[in-house]
Amino acid sequence: MLVERGLQVMNVEVVGDAYAIASNYLRKAGTIPDTFATDEQLLEIIVNLFQRGEFNRIRLANKAIAKFEADRFYETRPITILSA
């Protein structure tokens, strides 16, 4: 199924499958809560990757997982202030 999003056409099935794969992995890894709610950050990452030309659902999921985990790591990493 194709859906127009702005001026671009998006294959909802590919994005949906990639989201299902990525969210399933992240839930089992304990990175995101095990709920039926859509994780907007993960979905946004997948849509951005799709818009940049990645159309393979497995690659989309893998790249989204890597980016999602990297973003979470940098969000939760403590800031160290060094003084002279």
PDB file of N, CA and C in Angstrom:
ATOM      1  N   MET A   1       0.848  -1.178   0.000  1.00  0.00           N
ATOM      2  CA  MET A   1       0.000   0.000   0.000  1.00  0.00           C
ATOM      3  C   MET A   1       0.893   1.241   0.000  1.00  0.00           C
ATOM      4  N   LEU A   2       0.568   2.183  -0.827  1.00  0.00           N
ATOM      5  CA  LEU A   2       1.342   3.418  -0.903  1.00  0.00           C
ATOM      6  C   LEU A   2       0.536   4.559  -0.309  1.00  0.00           C
ATOM      7  N   VAL A   3       1.182   5.375   0.485  1.00  0.00           N
ATOM      8  CA  VAL A   3       0.529   6.519   1.111  1.00  0.00           C
ATOM      9  C   VAL A   3       1.355   7.751   0.810  1.00  0.00           C
ATOM     10  N   GLU A   4       0.693   8.831   0.421  1.00  0.00           N
ATOM     11  CA  GLU A   4       1.400  10.068   0.150  1.00  0.00           C
ATOM     12  C   GLU A   4       1.670  10.778   1.463  1.00  0.00           C
ATOM     13  N   ARG A   5       2.912  11.155   1.670  1.00  0.00           N
ATOM     14  CA  ARG A   5       3.304  11.867   2.892  1.00  0.00           C
ATOM     15  C   ARG A   5       4.030  13.107   2.436  1.00  0.00           C
ATOM     16  N   GLY A   6       3.357  14.226   2.450  1.00  0.00           N
ATOM     17  CA  GLY A   6       3.921  15.438   1.884  1.00  0.00           C
ATOM     18  C   GLY A   6       3.961  15.263   0.377  1.00  0.00           C
ATOM     19  N   LEU A   7       5.118  15.388  -0.206  1.00  0.00           N
ATOM     20  CA  LEU A   7       5.266  15.200  -1.639  1.00  0.00           C
ATOM     21  C   LEU A   7       5.845  13.836  -1.981  1.00  0.00           C
ATOM     22  N   GLN A   8       6.189  13.038  -0.976  1.00  0.00           N
ATOM     23  CA  GLN A   8       6.791  11.737  -1.210  1.00  0.00           C
ATOM     24  C   GLN A   8       5.772  10.635  -1.009  1.00  0.00           C
ATOM     25  N   VAL A   9       5.949   9.554  -1.740  1.00  0.00           N
ATOM     26  CA  VAL A   9       5.083   8.389  -1.591  1.00  0.00           C
ATOM     27  C   VAL A   9       5.844   7.358  -0.772  1.00  0.00           C
ATOM     28  N   MET A  10       5.180   6.804   0.234  1.00  0.00           N
ATOM     29  CA  MET A  10       5.825   5.878   1.135  1.00  0.00           C
ATOM     30  C   MET A  10       5.121   4.526   1.094  1.00  0.00           C
ATOM     31  N   ASN A  11       5.892   3.468   1.071  1.00  0.00           N
ATOM     32  CA  ASN A  11       5.344   2.127   1.147  1.00  0.00           C
ATOM     33  C   ASN A  11       5.136   1.795   2.619  1.00  0.00           C
ATOM     34  N   VAL A  12       3.892   1.826   3.054  1.00  0.00           N
ATOM     35  CA  VAL A  12       3.562   1.638   4.473  1.00  0.00           C
ATOM     36  C   VAL A  12       3.924   0.232   4.932  1.00  0.00           C
ATOM     37  N   GLU A  13       3.814  -0.728   4.053  1.00  0.00           N
ATOM     38  CA  GLU A  13       4.110  -2.108   4.421  1.00  0.00           C
ATOM     39  C   GLU A  13       5.583  -2.279   4.813  1.00  0.00           C
ATOM     40  N   VAL A  14       6.487  -1.710   4.034  1.00  0.00           N
ATOM     41  CA  VAL A  14       7.922  -1.815   4.330  1.00  0.00           C
ATOM     42  C   VAL A  14       8.237  -1.119   5.649  1.00  0.00           C
ATOM     43  N   VAL A  15       7.717   0.083   5.831  1.00  0.00           N
ATOM     44  CA  VAL A  15       7.956   0.828   7.069  1.00  0.00           C
ATOM     45  C   VAL A  15       7.336   0.094   8.262  1.00  0.00           C
ATOM     46  N   GLY A  16       6.137  -0.412   8.087  1.00  0.00           N
ATOM     47  CA  GLY A  16       5.461  -1.147   9.163  1.00  0.00           C
ATOM     48  C   GLY A  16       6.201  -2.419   9.545  1.00  0.00           C
ATOM     49  N   ASP A  17       6.673  -3.159   8.549  1.00  0.00           N
ATOM     50  CA  ASP A  17       7.428  -4.383   8.834  1.00  0.00           C
ATOM     51  C   ASP A  17       8.744  -4.066   9.543  1.00  0.00           C
ATOM     52  N   ALA A  18       9.433  -3.030   9.081  1.00  0.00           N
ATOM     53  CA  ALA A  18      10.690  -2.633   9.712  1.00  0.00           C
ATOM     54  C   ALA A  18      10.442  -2.210  11.164  1.00  0.00           C
ATOM     55  N   TYR A  19       9.347  -1.482  11.392  1.00  0.00           N
ATOM     56  CA  TYR A  19       9.022  -1.060  12.759  1.00  0.00           C
ATOM     57  C   TYR A  19       8.733  -2.287  13.631  1.00  0.00           C
ATOM     58  N   ALA A  20       7.974  -3.241  13.097  1.00  0.00           N
ATOM     59  CA  ALA A  20       7.638  -4.444  13.864  1.00  0.00           C
ATOM     60  C   ALA A  20       8.892  -5.221  14.245  1.00  0.00           C
ATOM     61  N   ILE A  21       9.816  -5.366  13.312  1.00  0.00           N
ATOM     62  CA  ILE A  21      11.065  -6.089  13.579  1.00  0.00           C
ATOM     63  C   ILE A  21      11.884  -5.361  14.645  1.00  0.00           C
ATOM     64  N   ALA A  22      12.078  -4.061  14.444  1.00  0.00           N
ATOM     65  CA  ALA A  22      12.904  -3.277  15.363  1.00  0.00           C
ATOM     66  C   ALA A  22      12.282  -3.196  16.757  1.00  0.00           C
ATOM     67  N   SER A  23      10.992  -2.920  16.822  1.00  0.00           N
ATOM     68  CA  SER A  23      10.348  -2.786  18.136  1.00  0.00           C
ATOM     69  C   SER A  23      10.312  -4.115  18.875  1.00  0.00           C
ATOM     70  N   ASN A  24      10.129  -5.213  18.152  1.00  0.00           N
ATOM     71  CA  ASN A  24      10.144  -6.532  18.785  1.00  0.00           C
ATOM     72  C   ASN A  24      11.508  -6.801  19.422  1.00  0.00           C
ATOM     73  N   TYR A  25      12.570  -6.514  18.687  1.00  0.00           N
ATOM     74  CA  TYR A  25      13.924  -6.698  19.228  1.00  0.00           C
ATOM     75  C   TYR A  25      14.151  -5.803  20.445  1.00  0.00           C
ATOM     76  N   LEU A  26      13.804  -4.523  20.313  1.00  0.00           N
ATOM     77  CA  LEU A  26      14.054  -3.579  21.410  1.00  0.00           C
ATOM     78  C   LEU A  26      13.222  -3.908  22.643  1.00  0.00           C
ATOM     79  N   ARG A  27      12.018  -4.438  22.458  1.00  0.00           N
ATOM     80  CA  ARG A  27      11.197  -4.851  23.606  1.00  0.00           C
ATOM     81  C   ARG A  27      11.825  -6.053  24.305  1.00  0.00           C
ATOM     82  N   LYS A  28      12.260  -7.024  23.511  1.00  0.00           N
ATOM     83  CA  LYS A  28      12.876  -8.214  24.109  1.00  0.00           C
ATOM     84  C   LYS A  28      14.202  -7.881  24.783  1.00  0.00           C
ATOM     85  N   ALA A  29      14.898  -6.876  24.280  1.00  0.00           N
ATOM     86  CA  ALA A  29      16.159  -6.439  24.882  1.00  0.00           C
ATOM     87  C   ALA A  29      15.923  -5.566  26.111  1.00  0.00           C
ATOM     88  N   GLY A  30      14.671  -5.141  26.329  1.00  0.00           N
ATOM     89  CA  GLY A  30      14.350  -4.307  27.485  1.00  0.00           C
ATOM     90  C   GLY A  30      14.639  -2.832  27.271  1.00  0.00           C
ATOM     91  N   THR A  31      14.896  -2.442  26.025  1.00  0.00           N
ATOM     92  CA  THR A  31      15.219  -1.050  25.731  1.00  0.00           C
ATOM     93  C   THR A  31      13.980  -0.171  25.718  1.00  0.00           C
ATOM     94  N   ILE A  32      12.864  -0.713  25.234  1.00  0.00           N
ATOM     95  CA  ILE A  32      11.596   0.011  25.252  1.00  0.00           C
ATOM     96  C   ILE A  32      10.580  -0.835  26.012  1.00  0.00           C
ATOM     97  N   PRO A  33       9.577  -0.198  26.621  1.00  0.00           N
ATOM     98  CA  PRO A  33       8.593  -0.952  27.397  1.00  0.00           C
ATOM     99  C   PRO A  33       7.738  -1.859  26.508  1.00  0.00           C
ATOM    100  N   ASP A  34       7.291  -2.943  27.088  1.00  0.00           N
ATOM    101  CA  ASP A  34       6.479  -3.924  26.371  1.00  0.00           C
ATOM    102  C   ASP A  34       5.008  -3.496  26.392  1.00  0.00           C
ATOM    103  N   THR A  35       4.679  -2.517  25.546  1.00  0.00           N
ATOM    104  CA  THR A  35       3.309  -2.021  25.439  1.00  0.00           C
ATOM    105  C   THR A  35       2.896  -2.022  23.975  1.00  0.00           C
ATOM    106  N   PHE A  36       1.633  -1.763  23.736  1.00  0.00           N
ATOM    107  CA  PHE A  36       1.136  -1.690  22.364  1.00  0.00           C
ATOM    108  C   PHE A  36       1.314  -0.291  21.767  1.00  0.00           C
ATOM    109  N   ALA A  37       1.766   0.654  22.561  1.00  0.00           N
ATOM    110  CA  ALA A  37       1.943   2.027  22.084  1.00  0.00           C
ATOM    111  C   ALA A  37       3.128   2.099  21.120  1.00  0.00           C
ATOM    112  N   THR A  38       2.973   2.913  20.096  1.00  0.00           N
ATOM    113  CA  THR A  38       4.043   3.109  19.116  1.00  0.00           C
ATOM    114  C   THR A  38       5.102   4.029  19.696  1.00  0.00           C
ATOM    115  N   ASP A  39       6.353   3.642  19.570  1.00  0.00           N
ATOM    116  CA  ASP A  39       7.452   4.501  20.006  1.00  0.00           C
ATOM    117  C   ASP A  39       7.724   5.483  18.881  1.00  0.00           C
ATOM    118  N   GLU A  40       7.368   6.736  19.109  1.00  0.00           N
ATOM    119  CA  GLU A  40       7.457   7.765  18.062  1.00  0.00           C
ATOM    120  C   GLU A  40       8.891   7.997  17.604  1.00  0.00           C
ATOM    121  N   GLN A  41       9.852   7.920  18.521  1.00  0.00           N
ATOM    122  CA  GLN A  41      11.251   8.133  18.156  1.00  0.00           C
ATOM    123  C   GLN A  41      11.721   7.043  17.195  1.00  0.00           C
ATOM    124  N   LEU A  42      11.393   5.802  17.475  1.00  0.00           N
ATOM    125  CA  LEU A  42      11.775   4.690  16.608  1.00  0.00           C
ATOM    126  C   LEU A  42      11.112   4.813  15.238  1.00  0.00           C
ATOM    127  N   LEU A  43       9.836   5.148  15.227  1.00  0.00           N
ATOM    128  CA  LEU A  43       9.124   5.307  13.963  1.00  0.00           C
ATOM    129  C   LEU A  43       9.727   6.443  13.142  1.00  0.00           C
ATOM    130  N   GLU A  44      10.067   7.529  13.786  1.00  0.00           N
ATOM    131  CA  GLU A  44      10.667   8.669  13.089  1.00  0.00           C
ATOM    132  C   GLU A  44      12.012   8.288  12.463  1.00  0.00           C
ATOM    133  N   ILE A  45      12.804   7.507  13.183  1.00  0.00           N
ATOM    134  CA  ILE A  45      14.089   7.051  12.647  1.00  0.00           C
ATOM    135  C   ILE A  45      13.869   6.208  11.397  1.00  0.00           C
ATOM    136  N   ILE A  46      12.910   5.291  11.448  1.00  0.00           N
ATOM    137  CA  ILE A  46      12.637   4.412  10.306  1.00  0.00           C
ATOM    138  C   ILE A  46      12.130   5.214   9.117  1.00  0.00           C
ATOM    139  N   VAL A  47      11.222   6.141   9.339  1.00  0.00           N
ATOM    140  CA  VAL A  47      10.685   6.963   8.253  1.00  0.00           C
ATOM    141  C   VAL A  47      11.802   7.800   7.625  1.00  0.00           C
ATOM    142  N   ASN A  48      12.677   8.377   8.443  1.00  0.00           N
ATOM    143  CA  ASN A  48      13.801   9.164   7.912  1.00  0.00           C
ATOM    144  C   ASN A  48      14.728   8.305   7.065  1.00  0.00           C
ATOM    145  N   LEU A  49      15.046   7.105   7.534  1.00  0.00           N
ATOM    146  CA  LEU A  49      15.895   6.203   6.755  1.00  0.00           C
ATOM    147  C   LEU A  49      15.224   5.834   5.433  1.00  0.00           C
ATOM    148  N   PHE A  50      13.927   5.584   5.483  1.00  0.00           N
ATOM    149  CA  PHE A  50      13.174   5.243   4.273  1.00  0.00           C
ATOM    150  C   PHE A  50      13.206   6.404   3.282  1.00  0.00           C
ATOM    151  N   GLN A  51      13.025   7.601   3.785  1.00  0.00           N
ATOM    152  CA  GLN A  51      13.018   8.775   2.915  1.00  0.00           C
ATOM    153  C   GLN A  51      14.392   9.043   2.309  1.00  0.00           C
ATOM    154  N   ARG A  52      15.434   8.568   2.966  1.00  0.00           N
ATOM    155  CA  ARG A  52      16.793   8.731   2.428  1.00  0.00           C
ATOM    156  C   ARG A  52      17.164   7.640   1.427  1.00  0.00           C
ATOM    157  N   GLY A  53      16.240   6.695   1.201  1.00  0.00           N
ATOM    158  CA  GLY A  53      16.475   5.715   0.154  1.00  0.00           C
ATOM    159  C   GLY A  53      16.697   4.284   0.594  1.00  0.00           C
ATOM    160  N   GLU A  54      16.539   3.982   1.879  1.00  0.00           N
ATOM    161  CA  GLU A  54      16.689   2.596   2.344  1.00  0.00           C
ATOM    162  C   GLU A  54      15.320   1.923   2.282  1.00  0.00           C
ATOM    163  N   PHE A  55      15.172   0.939   1.394  1.00  0.00           N
ATOM    164  CA  PHE A  55      13.868   0.315   1.183  1.00  0.00           C
ATOM    165  C   PHE A  55      13.808  -1.145   1.640  1.00  0.00           C
ATOM    166  N   ASN A  56      14.936  -1.703   2.042  1.00  0.00           N
ATOM    167  CA  ASN A  56      14.964  -3.085   2.510  1.00  0.00           C
ATOM    168  C   ASN A  56      14.545  -3.117   3.977  1.00  0.00           C
ATOM    169  N   ARG A  57      13.494  -3.872   4.278  1.00  0.00           N
ATOM    170  CA  ARG A  57      12.916  -3.850   5.638  1.00  0.00           C
ATOM    171  C   ARG A  57      13.878  -4.342   6.712  1.00  0.00           C
ATOM    172  N   ILE A  58      14.712  -5.333   6.395  1.00  0.00           N
ATOM    173  CA  ILE A  58      15.669  -5.838   7.385  1.00  0.00           C
ATOM    174  C   ILE A  58      16.758  -4.801   7.648  1.00  0.00           C
ATOM    175  N   ARG A  59      17.296  -4.212   6.580  1.00  0.00           N
ATOM    176  CA  ARG A  59      18.311  -3.169   6.751  1.00  0.00           C
ATOM    177  C   ARG A  59      17.733  -1.960   7.476  1.00  0.00           C
ATOM    178  N   LEU A  60      16.490  -1.601   7.134  1.00  0.00           N
ATOM    179  CA  LEU A  60      15.826  -0.492   7.828  1.00  0.00           C
ATOM    180  C   LEU A  60      15.755  -0.769   9.329  1.00  0.00           C
ATOM    181  N   ALA A  61      15.312  -1.964   9.677  1.00  0.00           N
ATOM    182  CA  ALA A  61      15.180  -2.334  11.090  1.00  0.00           C
ATOM    183  C   ALA A  61      16.536  -2.311  11.791  1.00  0.00           C
ATOM    184  N   ASN A  62      17.560  -2.896  11.157  1.00  0.00           N
ATOM    185  CA  ASN A  62      18.887  -2.954  11.777  1.00  0.00           C
ATOM    186  C   ASN A  62      19.485  -1.567  11.973  1.00  0.00           C
ATOM    187  N   LYS A  63      19.377  -0.720  10.965  1.00  0.00           N
ATOM    188  CA  LYS A  63      19.909   0.646  11.085  1.00  0.00           C
ATOM    189  C   LYS A  63      19.128   1.439  12.132  1.00  0.00           C
ATOM    190  N   ALA A  64      17.817   1.242  12.176  1.00  0.00           N
ATOM    191  CA  ALA A  64      16.995   1.952  13.161  1.00  0.00           C
ATOM    192  C   ALA A  64      17.339   1.507  14.585  1.00  0.00           C
ATOM    193  N   ILE A  65      17.558   0.221  14.771  1.00  0.00           N
ATOM    194  CA  ILE A  65      17.946  -0.289  16.093  1.00  0.00           C
ATOM    195  C   ILE A  65      19.267   0.333  16.527  1.00  0.00           C
ATOM    196  N   ALA A  66      20.247   0.334  15.623  1.00  0.00           N
ATOM    197  CA  ALA A  66      21.559   0.897  15.954  1.00  0.00           C
ATOM    198  C   ALA A  66      21.447   2.377  16.308  1.00  0.00           C
ATOM    199  N   LYS A  67      20.704   3.138  15.526  1.00  0.00           N
ATOM    200  CA  LYS A  67      20.554   4.574  15.780  1.00  0.00           C
ATOM    201  C   LYS A  67      19.776   4.802  17.073  1.00  0.00           C
ATOM    202  N   PHE A  68      18.712   4.056  17.281  1.00  0.00           N
ATOM    203  CA  PHE A  68      17.891   4.199  18.484  1.00  0.00           C
ATOM    204  C   PHE A  68      18.729   3.934  19.734  1.00  0.00           C
ATOM    205  N   GLU A  69      19.497   2.842  19.721  1.00  0.00           N
ATOM    206  CA  GLU A  69      20.322   2.510  20.887  1.00  0.00           C
ATOM    207  C   GLU A  69      21.434   3.536  21.091  1.00  0.00           C
ATOM    208  N   ALA A  70      22.017   4.025  20.006  1.00  0.00           N
ATOM    209  CA  ALA A  70      23.062   5.051  20.126  1.00  0.00           C
ATOM    210  C   ALA A  70      22.484   6.338  20.703  1.00  0.00           C
ATOM    211  N   ASP A  71      21.303   6.741  20.226  1.00  0.00           N
ATOM    212  CA  ASP A  71      20.661   7.951  20.748  1.00  0.00           C
ATOM    213  C   ASP A  71      20.345   7.799  22.225  1.00  0.00           C
ATOM    214  N   ARG A  72      19.849   6.636  22.625  1.00  0.00           N
ATOM    215  CA  ARG A  72      19.531   6.394  24.041  1.00  0.00           C
ATOM    216  C   ARG A  72      20.793   6.416  24.901  1.00  0.00           C
ATOM    217  N   PHE A  73      21.897   5.868  24.357  1.00  0.00           N
ATOM    218  CA  PHE A  73      23.154   5.847  25.099  1.00  0.00           C
ATOM    219  C   PHE A  73      23.623   7.266  25.376  1.00  0.00           C
ATOM    220  N   TYR A  74      23.572   8.120  24.377  1.00  0.00           N
ATOM    221  CA  TYR A  74      24.052   9.493  24.552  1.00  0.00           C
ATOM    222  C   TYR A  74      23.100  10.333  25.394  1.00  0.00           C
ATOM    223  N   GLU A  75      21.808   9.974  25.412  1.00  0.00           N
ATOM    224  CA  GLU A  75      20.844  10.690  26.258  1.00  0.00           C
ATOM    225  C   GLU A  75      21.060  10.376  27.727  1.00  0.00           C
ATOM    226  N   THR A  76      21.445   9.142  28.039  1.00  0.00           N
ATOM    227  CA  THR A  76      21.544   8.711  29.437  1.00  0.00           C
ATOM    228  C   THR A  76      22.963   8.772  29.980  1.00  0.00           C
ATOM    229  N   ARG A  77      23.924   9.082  29.132  1.00  0.00           N
ATOM    230  CA  ARG A  77      25.320   9.146  29.559  1.00  0.00           C
ATOM    231  C   ARG A  77      25.545  10.370  30.437  1.00  0.00           C
ATOM    232  N   PRO A  78      26.167  10.186  31.590  1.00  0.00           N
ATOM    233  CA  PRO A  78      26.403  11.340  32.470  1.00  0.00           C
ATOM    234  C   PRO A  78      27.428  12.300  31.853  1.00  0.00           C
ATOM    235  N   ILE A  79      27.228  13.552  32.130  1.00  0.00           N
ATOM    236  CA  ILE A  79      28.141  14.588  31.644  1.00  0.00           C
ATOM    237  C   ILE A  79      29.239  14.784  32.679  1.00  0.00           C
ATOM    238  N   THR A  80      30.480  14.711  32.236  1.00  0.00           N
ATOM    239  CA  THR A  80      31.617  14.903  33.128  1.00  0.00           C
ATOM    240  C   THR A  80      32.216  16.279  32.846  1.00  0.00           C
ATOM    241  N   ILE A  81      32.324  17.078  33.874  1.00  0.00           N
ATOM    242  CA  ILE A  81      32.897  18.413  33.721  1.00  0.00           C
ATOM    243  C   ILE A  81      34.306  18.375  34.293  1.00  0.00           C
ATOM    244  N   LEU A  82      35.244  18.727  33.456  1.00  0.00           N
ATOM    245  CA  LEU A  82      36.644  18.739  33.884  1.00  0.00           C
ATOM    246  C   LEU A  82      37.037  20.182  34.201  1.00  0.00           C
ATOM    247  N   SER A  83      37.716  20.356  35.293  1.00  0.00           N
ATOM    248  CA  SER A  83      38.175  21.714  35.653  1.00  0.00           C
ATOM    249  C   SER A  83      39.688  21.774  35.530  1.00  0.00           C
ATOM    250  N   ALA A  84      40.166  22.954  35.264  1.00  0.00           N
ATOM    251  CA  ALA A  84      41.612  23.135  35.070  1.00  0.00           C
ATOM    252  C   ALA A  84      42.337  23.284  36.365  1.00  0.00           C
TER     253      ALA A  84
END
